[in-house]
Amino acid sequence: MDLSINLLRDRTTAAFLGLLLAVALLRLVELRISKRHQKEMAARGAAKIDEPKFRWMVPQHWKSLFCGVPLFCGWLRQCLASF
């Protein structure tokens, strides 16, 4: 019984990490598309607006999503395992 629970947990962890990796790759693709659109708009005469808070939002988003979520899930697993 215990072996099957550990096997399921390992598969779930692998699936979760795979999903997290897929989200990270998708986010990188989105950033490339965004940069391309910015260049196209600049070529058509659009002016870029300086948004000083935005440059801090991006790393914070990455940290919370790709560091915080796995840490929280590990903590949650520890809490649920104690019941």
PDB file of N, CA and C in Angstrom:
ATOM      1  N   MET A   1       0.823  -1.199   0.000  1.00  0.00           N
ATOM      2  CA  MET A   1       0.000   0.000   0.000  1.00  0.00           C
ATOM      3  C   MET A   1       0.864   1.258   0.000  1.00  0.00           C
ATOM      4  N   ASP A   2       1.880   1.279   0.862  1.00  0.00           N
ATOM      5  CA  ASP A   2       2.737   2.448   0.973  1.00  0.00           C
ATOM      6  C   ASP A   2       3.516   2.695  -0.309  1.00  0.00           C
ATOM      7  N   LEU A   3       3.948   1.618  -0.976  1.00  0.00           N
ATOM      8  CA  LEU A   3       4.697   1.757  -2.219  1.00  0.00           C
ATOM      9  C   LEU A   3       3.843   2.402  -3.303  1.00  0.00           C
ATOM     10  N   SER A   4       2.577   2.023  -3.397  1.00  0.00           N
ATOM     11  CA  SER A   4       1.710   2.600  -4.428  1.00  0.00           C
ATOM     12  C   SER A   4       1.445   4.081  -4.168  1.00  0.00           C
ATOM     13  N   ILE A   5       1.363   4.466  -2.899  1.00  0.00           N
ATOM     14  CA  ILE A   5       1.160   5.885  -2.573  1.00  0.00           C
ATOM     15  C   ILE A   5       2.396   6.686  -2.965  1.00  0.00           C
ATOM     16  N   ASN A   6       3.584   6.169  -2.675  1.00  0.00           N
ATOM     17  CA  ASN A   6       4.816   6.864  -3.052  1.00  0.00           C
ATOM     18  C   ASN A   6       4.958   6.958  -4.563  1.00  0.00           C
ATOM     19  N   LEU A   7       4.594   5.903  -5.276  1.00  0.00           N
ATOM     20  CA  LEU A   7       4.669   5.916  -6.730  1.00  0.00           C
ATOM     21  C   LEU A   7       3.722   6.957  -7.307  1.00  0.00           C
ATOM     22  N   LEU A   8       2.503   7.019  -6.767  1.00  0.00           N
ATOM     23  CA  LEU A   8       1.526   8.017  -7.212  1.00  0.00           C
ATOM     24  C   LEU A   8       2.040   9.418  -6.907  1.00  0.00           C
ATOM     25  N   ARG A   9       2.623   9.593  -5.741  1.00  0.00           N
ATOM     26  CA  ARG A   9       3.149  10.905  -5.360  1.00  0.00           C
ATOM     27  C   ARG A   9       4.273  11.315  -6.309  1.00  0.00           C
ATOM     28  N   ASP A  10       5.152  10.379  -6.661  1.00  0.00           N
ATOM     29  CA  ASP A  10       6.240  10.699  -7.584  1.00  0.00           C
ATOM     30  C   ASP A  10       5.708  11.063  -8.962  1.00  0.00           C
ATOM     31  N   ARG A  11       4.703  10.361  -9.431  1.00  0.00           N
ATOM     32  CA  ARG A  11       4.099  10.690 -10.730  1.00  0.00           C
ATOM     33  C   ARG A  11       3.425  12.047 -10.682  1.00  0.00           C
ATOM     34  N   THR A  12       2.758  12.331  -9.582  1.00  0.00           N
ATOM     35  CA  THR A  12       2.096  13.621  -9.441  1.00  0.00           C
ATOM     36  C   THR A  12       3.122  14.746  -9.402  1.00  0.00           C
ATOM     37  N   THR A  13       4.202  14.539  -8.686  1.00  0.00           N
ATOM     38  CA  THR A  13       5.262  15.543  -8.619  1.00  0.00           C
ATOM     39  C   THR A  13       5.876  15.763  -9.991  1.00  0.00           C
ATOM     40  N   ALA A  14       6.138  14.691 -10.713  1.00  0.00           N
ATOM     41  CA  ALA A  14       6.707  14.810 -12.059  1.00  0.00           C
ATOM     42  C   ALA A  14       5.745  15.532 -12.992  1.00  0.00           C
ATOM     43  N   ALA A  15       4.462  15.212 -12.889  1.00  0.00           N
ATOM     44  CA  ALA A  15       3.465  15.885 -13.724  1.00  0.00           C
ATOM     45  C   ALA A  15       3.393  17.371 -13.383  1.00  0.00           C
ATOM     46  N   PHE A  16       3.437  17.686 -12.094  1.00  0.00           N
ATOM     47  CA  PHE A  16       3.401  19.081 -11.672  1.00  0.00           C
ATOM     48  C   PHE A  16       4.618  19.842 -12.185  1.00  0.00           C
ATOM     49  N   LEU A  17       5.800  19.260 -12.043  1.00  0.00           N
ATOM     50  CA  LEU A  17       7.010  19.929 -12.517  1.00  0.00           C
ATOM     51  C   LEU A  17       7.004  20.074 -14.034  1.00  0.00           C
ATOM     52  N   GLY A  18       6.442  19.075 -14.730  1.00  0.00           N
ATOM     53  CA  GLY A  18       6.299  19.181 -16.184  1.00  0.00           C
ATOM     54  C   GLY A  18       5.364  20.318 -16.566  1.00  0.00           C
ATOM     55  N   LEU A  19       4.273  20.449 -15.842  1.00  0.00           N
ATOM     56  CA  LEU A  19       3.335  21.542 -16.094  1.00  0.00           C
ATOM     57  C   LEU A  19       4.002  22.883 -15.818  1.00  0.00           C
ATOM     58  N   LEU A  20       4.747  22.970 -14.738  1.00  0.00           N
ATOM     59  CA  LEU A  20       5.450  24.206 -14.404  1.00  0.00           C
ATOM     60  C   LEU A  20       6.469  24.565 -15.484  1.00  0.00           C
ATOM     61  N   LEU A  21       7.179  23.581 -16.000  1.00  0.00           N
ATOM     62  CA  LEU A  21       8.129  23.817 -17.083  1.00  0.00           C
ATOM     63  C   LEU A  21       7.412  24.287 -18.346  1.00  0.00           C
ATOM     64  N   ALA A  22       6.280  23.667 -18.651  1.00  0.00           N
ATOM     65  CA  ALA A  22       5.506  24.078 -19.826  1.00  0.00           C
ATOM     66  C   ALA A  22       5.044  25.529 -19.698  1.00  0.00           C
ATOM     67  N   VAL A  23       4.607  25.920 -18.513  1.00  0.00           N
ATOM     68  CA  VAL A  23       4.174  27.306 -18.282  1.00  0.00           C
ATOM     69  C   VAL A  23       5.354  28.258 -18.448  1.00  0.00           C
ATOM     70  N   ALA A  24       6.517  27.877 -17.944  1.00  0.00           N
ATOM     71  CA  ALA A  24       7.706  28.724 -18.081  1.00  0.00           C
ATOM     72  C   ALA A  24       8.075  28.900 -19.555  1.00  0.00           C
ATOM     73  N   LEU A  25       8.042  27.823 -20.316  1.00  0.00           N
ATOM     74  CA  LEU A  25       8.363  27.917 -21.746  1.00  0.00           C
ATOM     75  C   LEU A  25       7.337  28.771 -22.486  1.00  0.00           C
ATOM     76  N   LEU A  26       6.084  28.594 -22.142  1.00  0.00           N
ATOM     77  CA  LEU A  26       5.033  29.407 -22.761  1.00  0.00           C
ATOM     78  C   LEU A  26       5.235  30.883 -22.434  1.00  0.00           C
ATOM     79  N   ARG A  27       5.622  31.165 -21.222  1.00  0.00           N
ATOM     80  CA  ARG A  27       5.859  32.557 -20.823  1.00  0.00           C
ATOM     81  C   ARG A  27       7.020  33.155 -21.609  1.00  0.00           C
ATOM     82  N   LEU A  28       8.059  32.379 -21.856  1.00  0.00           N
ATOM     83  CA  LEU A  28       9.179  32.866 -22.659  1.00  0.00           C
ATOM     84  C   LEU A  28       8.742  33.161 -24.090  1.00  0.00           C
ATOM     85  N   VAL A  29       7.901  32.305 -24.639  1.00  0.00           N
ATOM     86  CA  VAL A  29       7.366  32.545 -25.989  1.00  0.00           C
ATOM     87  C   VAL A  29       6.548  33.833 -25.998  1.00  0.00           C
ATOM     88  N   GLU A  30       5.720  34.020 -24.975  1.00  0.00           N
ATOM     89  CA  GLU A  30       4.911  35.240 -24.885  1.00  0.00           C
ATOM     90  C   GLU A  30       5.786  36.489 -24.831  1.00  0.00           C
ATOM     91  N   LEU A  31       6.892  36.418 -24.095  1.00  0.00           N
ATOM     92  CA  LEU A  31       7.791  37.564 -24.008  1.00  0.00           C
ATOM     93  C   LEU A  31       8.432  37.881 -25.359  1.00  0.00           C
ATOM     94  N   ARG A  32       8.795  36.849 -26.112  1.00  0.00           N
ATOM     95  CA  ARG A  32       9.365  37.073 -27.457  1.00  0.00           C
ATOM     96  C   ARG A  32       8.343  37.732 -28.378  1.00  0.00           C
ATOM     97  N   ILE A  33       7.109  37.241 -28.313  1.00  0.00           N
ATOM     98  CA  ILE A  33       6.044  37.824 -29.146  1.00  0.00           C
ATOM     99  C   ILE A  33       5.820  39.280 -28.756  1.00  0.00           C
ATOM    100  N   SER A  34       5.827  39.559 -27.465  1.00  0.00           N
ATOM    101  CA  SER A  34       5.631  40.923 -26.986  1.00  0.00           C
ATOM    102  C   SER A  34       6.736  41.846 -27.485  1.00  0.00           C
ATOM    103  N   LYS A  35       7.971  41.392 -27.403  1.00  0.00           N
ATOM    104  CA  LYS A  35       9.094  42.206 -27.899  1.00  0.00           C
ATOM    105  C   LYS A  35       8.960  42.472 -29.395  1.00  0.00           C
ATOM    106  N   ARG A  36       8.561  41.455 -30.151  1.00  0.00           N
ATOM    107  CA  ARG A  36       8.382  41.627 -31.589  1.00  0.00           C
ATOM    108  C   ARG A  36       7.288  42.653 -31.876  1.00  0.00           C
ATOM    109  N   HIS A  37       6.186  42.572 -31.129  1.00  0.00           N
ATOM    110  CA  HIS A  37       5.099  43.539 -31.326  1.00  0.00           C
ATOM    111  C   HIS A  37       5.546  44.952 -30.963  1.00  0.00           C
ATOM    112  N   GLN A  38       6.363  45.082 -29.921  1.00  0.00           N
ATOM    113  CA  GLN A  38       6.872  46.402 -29.550  1.00  0.00           C
ATOM    114  C   GLN A  38       7.725  46.992 -30.663  1.00  0.00           C
ATOM    115  N   LYS A  39       8.560  46.159 -31.270  1.00  0.00           N
ATOM    116  CA  LYS A  39       9.398  46.646 -32.375  1.00  0.00           C
ATOM    117  C   LYS A  39       8.550  47.053 -33.572  1.00  0.00           C
ATOM    118  N   GLU A  40       7.523  46.266 -33.890  1.00  0.00           N
ATOM    119  CA  GLU A  40       6.638  46.598 -35.001  1.00  0.00           C
ATOM    120  C   GLU A  40       5.893  47.910 -34.751  1.00  0.00           C
ATOM    121  N   MET A  41       5.434  48.090 -33.530  1.00  0.00           N
ATOM    122  CA  MET A  41       4.712  49.320 -33.199  1.00  0.00           C
ATOM    123  C   MET A  41       5.649  50.523 -33.239  1.00  0.00           C
ATOM    124  N   ALA A  42       6.887  50.359 -32.776  1.00  0.00           N
ATOM    125  CA  ALA A  42       7.860  51.451 -32.821  1.00  0.00           C
ATOM    126  C   ALA A  42       8.185  51.813 -34.265  1.00  0.00           C
ATOM    127  N   ALA A  43       8.229  50.819 -35.134  1.00  0.00           N
ATOM    128  CA  ALA A  43       8.505  51.085 -36.548  1.00  0.00           C
ATOM    129  C   ALA A  43       7.370  51.879 -37.190  1.00  0.00           C
ATOM    130  N   ARG A  44       6.159  51.731 -36.645  1.00  0.00           N
ATOM    131  CA  ARG A  44       5.012  52.480 -37.166  1.00  0.00           C
ATOM    132  C   ARG A  44       4.818  53.814 -36.461  1.00  0.00           C
ATOM    133  N   GLY A  45       5.752  54.169 -35.573  1.00  0.00           N
ATOM    134  CA  GLY A  45       5.709  55.489 -34.958  1.00  0.00           C
ATOM    135  C   GLY A  45       5.170  55.536 -33.539  1.00  0.00           C
ATOM    136  N   ALA A  46       4.868  54.410 -32.959  1.00  0.00           N
ATOM    137  CA  ALA A  46       4.368  54.418 -31.581  1.00  0.00           C
ATOM    138  C   ALA A  46       5.514  54.727 -30.619  1.00  0.00           C
ATOM    139  N   ALA A  47       5.208  55.480 -29.587  1.00  0.00           N
ATOM    140  CA  ALA A  47       6.214  55.818 -28.583  1.00  0.00           C
ATOM    141  C   ALA A  47       6.042  54.896 -27.383  1.00  0.00           C
ATOM    142  N   LYS A  48       7.169  54.420 -26.866  1.00  0.00           N
ATOM    143  CA  LYS A  48       7.130  53.552 -25.696  1.00  0.00           C
ATOM    144  C   LYS A  48       6.997  54.407 -24.440  1.00  0.00           C
ATOM    145  N   ILE A  49       6.084  54.033 -23.593  1.00  0.00           N
ATOM    146  CA  ILE A  49       5.857  54.748 -22.337  1.00  0.00           C
ATOM    147  C   ILE A  49       6.699  54.084 -21.262  1.00  0.00           C
ATOM    148  N   ASP A  50       7.443  54.884 -20.517  1.00  0.00           N
ATOM    149  CA  ASP A  50       8.262  54.344 -19.440  1.00  0.00           C
ATOM    150  C   ASP A  50       7.362  53.993 -18.255  1.00  0.00           C
ATOM    151  N   GLU A  51       7.419  52.752 -17.856  1.00  0.00           N
ATOM    152  CA  GLU A  51       6.650  52.275 -16.707  1.00  0.00           C
ATOM    153  C   GLU A  51       7.633  51.690 -15.694  1.00  0.00           C
ATOM    154  N   PRO A  52       8.097  52.505 -14.744  1.00  0.00           N
ATOM    155  CA  PRO A  52       9.149  52.046 -13.832  1.00  0.00           C
ATOM    156  C   PRO A  52       8.725  50.880 -12.941  1.00  0.00           C
ATOM    157  N   LYS A  53       7.463  50.774 -12.596  1.00  0.00           N
ATOM    158  CA  LYS A  53       7.020  49.677 -11.731  1.00  0.00           C
ATOM    159  C   LYS A  53       6.955  48.351 -12.481  1.00  0.00           C
ATOM    160  N   PHE A  54       6.790  48.404 -13.789  1.00  0.00           N
ATOM    161  CA  PHE A  54       6.663  47.181 -14.577  1.00  0.00           C
ATOM    162  C   PHE A  54       7.929  46.337 -14.513  1.00  0.00           C
ATOM    163  N   ARG A  55       9.087  46.991 -14.541  1.00  0.00           N
ATOM    164  CA  ARG A  55      10.343  46.233 -14.525  1.00  0.00           C
ATOM    165  C   ARG A  55      10.524  45.458 -13.228  1.00  0.00           C
ATOM    166  N   TRP A  56       9.834  45.861 -12.154  1.00  0.00           N
ATOM    167  CA  TRP A  56       9.896  45.125 -10.892  1.00  0.00           C
ATOM    168  C   TRP A  56       8.799  44.066 -10.809  1.00  0.00           C
ATOM    169  N   MET A  57       7.710  44.280 -11.534  1.00  0.00           N
ATOM    170  CA  MET A  57       6.621  43.308 -11.515  1.00  0.00           C
ATOM    171  C   MET A  57       7.015  42.005 -12.197  1.00  0.00           C
ATOM    172  N   VAL A  58       7.758  42.082 -13.271  1.00  0.00           N
ATOM    173  CA  VAL A  58       8.116  40.886 -14.036  1.00  0.00           C
ATOM    174  C   VAL A  58       8.951  39.906 -13.212  1.00  0.00           C
ATOM    175  N   PRO A  59      10.062  40.333 -12.601  1.00  0.00           N
ATOM    176  CA  PRO A  59      10.821  39.359 -11.796  1.00  0.00           C
ATOM    177  C   PRO A  59      10.032  38.854 -10.585  1.00  0.00           C
ATOM    178  N   GLN A  60       9.207  39.723 -10.011  1.00  0.00           N
ATOM    179  CA  GLN A  60       8.406  39.295  -8.871  1.00  0.00           C
ATOM    180  C   GLN A  60       7.415  38.209  -9.288  1.00  0.00           C
ATOM    181  N   HIS A  61       6.829  38.384 -10.460  1.00  0.00           N
ATOM    182  CA  HIS A  61       5.892  37.383 -10.983  1.00  0.00           C
ATOM    183  C   HIS A  61       6.601  36.055 -11.207  1.00  0.00           C
ATOM    184  N   TRP A  62       7.785  36.100 -11.814  1.00  0.00           N
ATOM    185  CA  TRP A  62       8.542  34.874 -12.060  1.00  0.00           C
ATOM    186  C   TRP A  62       8.924  34.188 -10.763  1.00  0.00           C
ATOM    187  N   LYS A  63       9.384  34.988  -9.784  1.00  0.00           N
ATOM    188  CA  LYS A  63       9.776  34.388  -8.505  1.00  0.00           C
ATOM    189  C   LYS A  63       8.586  33.735  -7.810  1.00  0.00           C
ATOM    190  N   SER A  64       7.475  34.433  -7.774  1.00  0.00           N
ATOM    191  CA  SER A  64       6.321  33.885  -7.061  1.00  0.00           C
ATOM    192  C   SER A  64       5.781  32.645  -7.756  1.00  0.00           C
ATOM    193  N   LEU A  65       5.745  32.663  -9.072  1.00  0.00           N
ATOM    194  CA  LEU A  65       5.177  31.539  -9.799  1.00  0.00           C
ATOM    195  C   LEU A  65       6.112  30.331  -9.807  1.00  0.00           C
ATOM    196  N   PHE A  66       7.363  30.542 -10.136  1.00  0.00           N
ATOM    197  CA  PHE A  66       8.264  29.417 -10.355  1.00  0.00           C
ATOM    198  C   PHE A  66       9.088  29.018  -9.135  1.00  0.00           C
ATOM    199  N   CYS A  67       9.044  29.814  -8.083  1.00  0.00           N
ATOM    200  CA  CYS A  67       9.690  29.418  -6.819  1.00  0.00           C
ATOM    201  C   CYS A  67       8.654  29.207  -5.722  1.00  0.00           C
ATOM    202  N   GLY A  68       7.733  30.140  -5.629  1.00  0.00           N
ATOM    203  CA  GLY A  68       6.739  30.079  -4.568  1.00  0.00           C
ATOM    204  C   GLY A  68       5.777  28.921  -4.680  1.00  0.00           C
ATOM    205  N   VAL A  69       5.293  28.661  -5.870  1.00  0.00           N
ATOM    206  CA  VAL A  69       4.310  27.591  -6.052  1.00  0.00           C
ATOM    207  C   VAL A  69       4.903  26.217  -5.701  1.00  0.00           C
ATOM    208  N   PRO A  70       6.092  25.855  -6.215  1.00  0.00           N
ATOM    209  CA  PRO A  70       6.649  24.558  -5.807  1.00  0.00           C
ATOM    210  C   PRO A  70       6.925  24.475  -4.306  1.00  0.00           C
ATOM    211  N   LEU A  71       7.399  25.570  -3.727  1.00  0.00           N
ATOM    212  CA  LEU A  71       7.644  25.555  -2.281  1.00  0.00           C
ATOM    213  C   LEU A  71       6.347  25.369  -1.507  1.00  0.00           C
ATOM    214  N   PHE A  72       5.294  26.072  -1.937  1.00  0.00           N
ATOM    215  CA  PHE A  72       4.006  25.943  -1.268  1.00  0.00           C
ATOM    216  C   PHE A  72       3.460  24.526  -1.406  1.00  0.00           C
ATOM    217  N   CYS A  73       3.589  23.940  -2.576  1.00  0.00           N
ATOM    218  CA  CYS A  73       3.086  22.574  -2.773  1.00  0.00           C
ATOM    219  C   CYS A  73       3.863  21.579  -1.926  1.00  0.00           C
ATOM    220  N   GLY A  74       5.171  21.777  -1.796  1.00  0.00           N
ATOM    221  CA  GLY A  74       5.961  20.914  -0.923  1.00  0.00           C
ATOM    222  C   GLY A  74       5.548  21.069   0.520  1.00  0.00           C
ATOM    223  N   TRP A  75       5.298  22.306   0.948  1.00  0.00           N
ATOM    224  CA  TRP A  75       4.845  22.552   2.309  1.00  0.00           C
ATOM    225  C   TRP A  75       3.467  21.942   2.539  1.00  0.00           C
ATOM    226  N   LEU A  76       2.571  22.093   1.552  1.00  0.00           N
ATOM    227  CA  LEU A  76       1.225  21.547   1.672  1.00  0.00           C
ATOM    228  C   LEU A  76       1.275  20.026   1.774  1.00  0.00           C
ATOM    229  N   ARG A  77       2.144  19.395   0.985  1.00  0.00           N
ATOM    230  CA  ARG A  77       2.279  17.943   1.051  1.00  0.00           C
ATOM    231  C   ARG A  77       2.737  17.501   2.444  1.00  0.00           C
ATOM    232  N   GLN A  78       3.682  18.250   3.015  1.00  0.00           N
ATOM    233  CA  GLN A  78       4.157  17.929   4.369  1.00  0.00           C
ATOM    234  C   GLN A  78       3.023  18.039   5.384  1.00  0.00           C
ATOM    235  N   CYS A  79       2.203  19.087   5.224  1.00  0.00           N
ATOM    236  CA  CYS A  79       1.088  19.283   6.154  1.00  0.00           C
ATOM    237  C   CYS A  79       0.052  18.170   6.009  1.00  0.00           C
ATOM    238  N   LEU A  80      -0.266  17.807   4.785  1.00  0.00           N
ATOM    239  CA  LEU A  80      -1.276  16.771   4.564  1.00  0.00           C
ATOM    240  C   LEU A  80      -0.768  15.403   4.977  1.00  0.00           C
ATOM    241  N   ALA A  81       0.541  15.191   4.865  1.00  0.00           N
ATOM    242  CA  ALA A  81       1.100  13.883   5.238  1.00  0.00           C
ATOM    243  C   ALA A  81       1.025  13.649   6.743  1.00  0.00           C
ATOM    244  N   SER A  82       0.935  14.720   7.510  1.00  0.00           N
ATOM    245  CA  SER A  82       0.900  14.564   8.968  1.00  0.00           C
ATOM    246  C   SER A  82      -0.471  14.135   9.480  1.00  0.00           C
ATOM    247  N   PHE A  83      -1.493  14.182   8.623  1.00  0.00           N
ATOM    248  CA  PHE A  83      -2.838  13.781   9.069  1.00  0.00           C
ATOM    249  C   PHE A  83      -3.046  12.307   8.947  1.00  0.00           C
TER     250      PHE A  83
END
